[in-house]
C-alpha cells in the first residue's frame, strides 16, 4: 500500500480498489504534538503548536511517500464539494480529482471520513460527513460527481463515533428524519431521555438506496479506541486524524 509505512500511524483502507488507488487514515500515534494533542495531530485550527503540526505533516509525507502535499480543507459541516485541481477556495467538506498525484485529504475526530473511487480507478473523492452534512445532502452530491453507475463505485467508511457512544437530542433526530423519514432505525432511545445515533446506518442506507453496493468499513469507533484516535466527544480539546486518497500511477 505504502512505502515502509509506520503501521502505528497509518491504517490503509481495506477495500477492493485498484492497486494504484492509495487510501487510508492516520492514527493519533507517532507524531510531535504535546498534550492534549498527543501526538500525530494534523490540524492547524485546533490550538496546537503550528511547528508541531508542520513536523507532523512533514512526517506524513515521508511516511507515505506522498507524490504532493495534501490539499487541506477548511471544513464547514456543510455539503460543498470542490474539484481539487480547480478550487478558488477550500471552504468545503469534500474534494475530488481525476488527476494522478493529487492527494485529497479530510480531517475528522468523530465525524465520518468517506473515501470513494470508481472501479476503473480514474476518479477519487474524500468526503467529511457529520449529521449536519448528511442532512444537507452531501452524500447524494458525492455520488453525482461520478458518471459511473452507482454499483460501479467503491466506498470506504473510516473510523468514527459509533452508536453506543454517540448520544444526541431530539433536534438531531428530527433533522435527520426530516431529511429521510426511513431512518428511524438509526436511533435508539436511552435511559436519559435522549437517543443513541448510528451515523453508519444513515450513510449505508443513503448509499444503498441509490444503488451503491460495494461498501467497506473500518469498523472502528473513535471514542472507544482512545490510544489510536482523537475524539472530540471524549476529549473536547483534541487533534484530528487525516483520511487521504490519491491516484498513484
Protein backbone atom coordinates (compact mmCIF):
# COMPACT_ATOMS: atom_id res chain seq x y z
CA UNK A 1 0.00 0.00 0.00
CA UNK A 2 2.71 2.45 1.00
CA UNK A 3 6.49 2.53 1.14
CA UNK A 4 7.81 1.46 4.56
CA UNK A 5 4.69 2.56 6.43
CA UNK A 6 4.78 3.15 10.15
CA UNK A 7 1.84 0.93 10.99
CA UNK A 8 1.10 2.63 14.30
CA UNK A 9 0.46 5.91 12.46
CA UNK A 10 -1.43 4.77 9.36
CA UNK A 11 -4.32 2.40 8.65
CA UNK A 12 -4.69 1.60 4.94
CA UNK A 13 -8.23 1.27 3.61
CA UNK A 14 -9.24 -2.37 3.25
CA UNK A 15 -11.39 -2.39 0.11
CA UNK A 16 -11.39 -3.67 -3.47
CA UNK A 17 -9.96 -0.54 -5.11
CA UNK A 18 -7.42 -0.87 -7.93
CA UNK A 19 -3.81 -1.19 -6.77
CA UNK A 20 -2.92 2.33 -7.89
CA UNK A 21 -5.55 3.88 -5.61
CA UNK A 22 -3.83 4.73 -2.32
CA UNK A 23 -6.12 5.41 0.63
CA UNK A 24 -6.40 5.24 4.39
CA UNK A 25 -6.46 7.18 7.64
CA UNK A 26 -3.84 8.31 10.13
CA UNK A 27 -3.99 7.46 13.82
CA UNK A 28 -3.01 9.74 16.70
CA UNK A 29 0.26 7.87 17.25
CA UNK A 30 3.80 8.69 16.18
CA UNK A 31 3.89 12.48 15.93
CA UNK A 32 5.38 15.50 17.67
CA UNK A 33 2.35 17.19 19.27
CA UNK A 34 2.16 17.58 23.04
CA UNK A 35 -0.93 17.01 25.25
CA UNK A 36 -3.83 17.34 24.71
CA UNK A 37 -2.94 16.81 21.04
CA UNK A 38 -0.73 13.78 21.64
CA UNK A 39 0.77 13.10 19.25
CA UNK A 40 0.11 12.96 15.50
CA UNK A 41 -2.28 15.90 15.13
CA UNK A 42 -2.54 17.16 11.54
CA UNK A 43 -4.92 20.09 12.06
CA UNK A 44 -3.85 23.74 12.28
CA UNK A 45 -7.19 25.03 13.60
CA UNK A 46 -7.40 23.26 16.99
CA UNK A 47 -4.87 25.29 19.02
CA UNK A 48 -1.86 23.02 18.62
CA UNK A 49 1.65 24.42 18.24
CA UNK A 50 1.98 25.24 14.50
CA UNK A 51 5.55 23.93 14.43
CA UNK A 52 4.38 20.56 15.77
CA UNK A 53 1.69 20.36 13.11
CA UNK A 54 4.22 21.25 10.42
CA UNK A 55 6.54 18.49 11.63
CA UNK A 56 3.65 16.02 11.70
CA UNK A 57 2.67 16.90 8.15
CA UNK A 58 6.26 16.51 7.01
CA UNK A 59 6.40 13.11 8.69
CA UNK A 60 3.12 12.14 6.98
CA UNK A 61 4.58 12.99 3.57
CA UNK A 62 7.73 10.94 4.22
CA UNK A 63 5.90 8.02 5.80
CA UNK A 64 3.54 7.57 2.85
CA UNK A 65 5.95 8.76 0.17
CA UNK A 66 3.28 11.21 -0.93
CA UNK A 67 3.57 12.50 -4.51
CA UNK A 68 2.46 16.01 -3.45
CA UNK A 69 1.33 17.93 -0.41
CA UNK A 70 -2.23 17.01 0.61
CA UNK A 71 -4.92 19.54 -0.16
CA UNK A 72 -6.24 20.60 3.26
CA UNK A 73 -9.79 21.89 3.50
CA UNK A 74 -11.39 24.40 5.82
CA UNK A 75 -14.27 22.11 6.73
CA UNK A 76 -17.61 23.78 7.43
CA UNK A 77 -20.02 20.89 8.23
CA UNK A 78 -21.96 21.55 5.04
CA UNK A 79 -22.43 19.95 1.64
CA UNK A 80 -19.91 21.74 -0.57
CA UNK A 81 -17.53 19.53 -2.55
CA UNK A 82 -14.77 21.05 -4.66
CA UNK A 83 -12.60 19.90 -7.53
CA UNK A 84 -9.14 19.59 -6.01
CA UNK A 85 -7.49 20.85 -9.19
CA UNK A 86 -9.66 23.92 -9.83
CA UNK A 87 -10.66 25.27 -6.42
CA UNK A 88 -10.60 29.01 -5.77
CA UNK A 89 -11.08 28.49 -2.04
CA UNK A 90 -11.01 25.50 0.26
CA UNK A 91 -14.09 26.02 2.44
CA UNK A 92 -15.73 22.65 1.79
CA UNK A 93 -16.40 19.21 3.22
CA UNK A 94 -15.23 17.17 0.29
CA UNK A 95 -12.98 17.16 -2.73
CA UNK A 96 -12.38 15.03 -5.78
CA UNK A 97 -9.88 14.61 -8.59
CA UNK A 98 -9.24 12.73 -11.83
CA UNK A 99 -5.56 13.61 -11.87
CA UNK A 100 -2.74 11.40 -10.74
CA UNK A 101 -0.55 12.50 -7.83
CA UNK A 102 -3.20 14.85 -6.37
CA UNK A 103 -3.69 13.99 -2.70
CA UNK A 104 -7.20 14.62 -1.36
CA UNK A 105 -7.49 14.96 2.42
CA UNK A 106 -10.19 15.42 5.03
CA UNK A 107 -9.82 15.62 8.82
CA UNK A 108 -12.03 14.06 11.48
CA UNK A 109 -12.32 13.40 15.20
CA UNK A 110 -15.72 11.61 15.45
CA UNK A 111 -17.38 12.55 12.15
CA UNK A 112 -17.27 10.03 9.33
CA UNK A 113 -14.48 10.05 6.74
CA UNK A 114 -15.65 8.56 3.46
CA UNK A 115 -13.25 7.68 0.65
CA UNK A 116 -14.62 6.92 -2.79
CA UNK A 117 -13.42 5.77 -6.19
CA UNK A 118 -14.83 4.17 -9.32
CA UNK A 119 -13.92 0.59 -10.18
CA UNK A 120 -11.76 1.83 -13.07
CA UNK A 121 -9.70 3.89 -10.64
CA UNK A 122 -9.94 7.08 -12.68
CA UNK A 123 -11.65 9.36 -10.13
CA UNK A 124 -11.37 9.58 -6.35
CA UNK A 125 -13.08 11.63 -3.66
CA UNK A 126 -12.77 12.27 0.07
CA UNK A 127 -15.88 13.36 1.97
CA UNK A 128 -16.37 14.54 5.56
CA UNK A 129 -19.82 13.58 6.87
CA UNK A 130 -21.37 14.64 10.16
CA UNK A 131 -25.08 14.79 10.86
CA UNK A 132 -25.32 18.34 9.52
CA UNK A 133 -23.64 17.48 6.24
CA UNK A 134 -25.73 14.33 5.96
CA UNK A 135 -28.94 16.31 6.35
CA UNK A 136 -27.68 18.83 3.79
CA UNK A 137 -27.32 16.06 1.21
CA UNK A 138 -23.55 15.76 0.85
CA UNK A 139 -23.75 12.03 0.14
CA UNK A 140 -26.04 12.50 -2.84
CA UNK A 141 -23.78 15.23 -4.17
CA UNK A 142 -20.75 13.00 -3.79
CA UNK A 143 -22.38 10.26 -5.87
CA UNK A 144 -23.27 12.80 -8.54
CA UNK A 145 -19.56 13.52 -9.00
CA UNK A 146 -19.21 10.19 -10.80
CA UNK A 147 -20.61 9.40 -14.23
CA UNK A 148 -20.31 5.69 -13.48
CA UNK A 149 -23.30 3.63 -12.42
CA UNK A 150 -23.54 3.66 -8.65
CA UNK A 151 -22.99 -0.08 -8.48
CA UNK A 152 -19.56 0.59 -10.01
CA UNK A 153 -18.48 2.81 -7.12
CA UNK A 154 -16.37 1.74 -4.17
CA UNK A 155 -16.90 3.29 -0.74
CA UNK A 156 -14.73 3.07 2.37
CA UNK A 157 -16.18 4.26 5.68
CA UNK A 158 -13.40 5.17 8.08
CA UNK A 159 -13.26 5.20 11.90
CA UNK A 160 -15.88 7.43 13.51
CA UNK A 161 -18.00 7.62 16.63
CA UNK A 162 -20.27 4.58 16.94
CA UNK A 163 -23.85 4.32 18.10
CA UNK A 164 -23.17 3.18 21.66
CA UNK A 165 -21.01 6.27 22.19
CA UNK A 166 -22.98 8.85 20.20
CA UNK A 167 -25.78 10.42 22.21
CA UNK A 168 -27.91 13.09 20.54
CA UNK A 169 -31.04 15.07 21.34
CA UNK A 170 -34.38 15.40 19.62
CA UNK A 171 -33.01 18.21 17.46
CA UNK A 172 -30.58 15.91 15.68
CA UNK A 173 -33.08 13.07 15.32
CA UNK A 174 -35.75 15.43 13.98
CA UNK A 175 -33.33 16.93 11.46
CA UNK A 176 -32.29 13.50 10.18
CA UNK A 177 -35.86 12.24 9.91
CA UNK A 178 -36.90 15.42 8.14
CA UNK A 179 -34.19 14.65 5.61
CA UNK A 180 -35.25 10.99 5.32
CA UNK A 181 -38.24 9.51 7.12
CA UNK A 182 -36.87 5.98 6.62
CA UNK A 183 -34.04 6.46 9.11
CA UNK A 184 -35.85 5.95 12.40
CA UNK A 185 -33.93 2.69 12.94
CA UNK A 186 -30.72 4.73 13.15
CA UNK A 187 -31.85 5.92 16.59
CA UNK A 188 -32.42 4.05 19.85
CA UNK A 189 -33.80 5.72 22.99
CA UNK A 190 -31.58 5.71 26.07
CA UNK A 191 -32.36 5.99 29.77
CA UNK A 192 -31.59 9.73 29.80
CA UNK A 193 -34.47 10.59 27.51
CA UNK A 194 -32.13 11.10 24.57
CA UNK A 195 -31.04 8.99 21.59
CA UNK A 196 -28.11 6.83 20.54
CA UNK A 197 -27.47 7.53 16.87
CA UNK A 198 -25.74 5.44 14.21
CA UNK A 199 -24.05 7.57 11.57
CA UNK A 200 -23.00 4.45 9.67
CA UNK A 201 -26.59 3.20 9.48
CA UNK A 202 -27.64 6.56 7.99
CA UNK A 203 -24.80 6.54 5.49
CA UNK A 204 -25.25 2.95 4.40
CA UNK A 205 -28.99 3.44 3.95
CA UNK A 206 -28.49 6.59 1.90
CA UNK A 207 -25.88 4.94 -0.31
CA UNK A 208 -27.67 1.63 -0.76
CA UNK A 209 -30.92 3.40 -1.65
CA UNK A 210 -29.00 4.95 -4.56
CA UNK A 211 -27.75 1.57 -5.76
CA UNK A 212 -24.31 1.57 -4.15
CA UNK A 213 -23.46 -1.98 -3.11
CA UNK A 214 -19.67 -2.06 -2.68
CA UNK A 215 -19.31 -0.53 0.78
CA UNK A 216 -16.45 -1.38 3.13
CA UNK A 217 -15.95 -0.19 6.70
CA UNK A 218 -13.06 0.09 9.12
CA UNK A 219 -15.45 -0.97 11.92
CA UNK A 220 -13.64 1.18 14.48
CA UNK A 221 -15.08 3.66 16.98
CA UNK A 222 -13.06 6.80 17.58
CA UNK A 223 -14.38 7.37 21.10
CA UNK A 224 -13.71 3.90 22.48
CA UNK A 225 -10.26 3.47 20.88
CA UNK A 226 -8.59 6.28 22.81
CA UNK A 227 -5.00 5.16 22.13
CA UNK A 228 -5.48 5.22 18.37
CA UNK A 229 -7.94 8.00 17.59
CA UNK A 230 -8.85 11.54 18.53
CA UNK A 231 -12.42 12.05 19.70
CA UNK A 232 -13.99 15.45 20.19
CA UNK A 233 -16.86 13.92 22.14
CA UNK A 234 -14.48 12.19 24.52
CA UNK A 235 -11.81 14.86 24.99
CA UNK A 236 -13.12 18.22 23.76
CA UNK A 237 -9.79 19.94 23.07
CA UNK A 238 -8.00 17.45 20.85
CA UNK A 239 -6.35 16.83 17.49
CA UNK A 240 -7.55 15.47 14.17
CA UNK A 241 -6.80 12.43 12.04
CA UNK A 242 -6.45 12.75 8.27
CA UNK A 243 -8.01 10.47 5.67
CA UNK A 244 -6.15 10.58 2.37
CA UNK A 245 -6.78 9.25 -1.13
CA UNK A 246 -4.86 9.67 -4.37
CA UNK A 247 -4.28 8.08 -7.77
CA UNK A 248 -0.70 6.80 -7.93
CA UNK A 249 0.18 5.78 -11.47
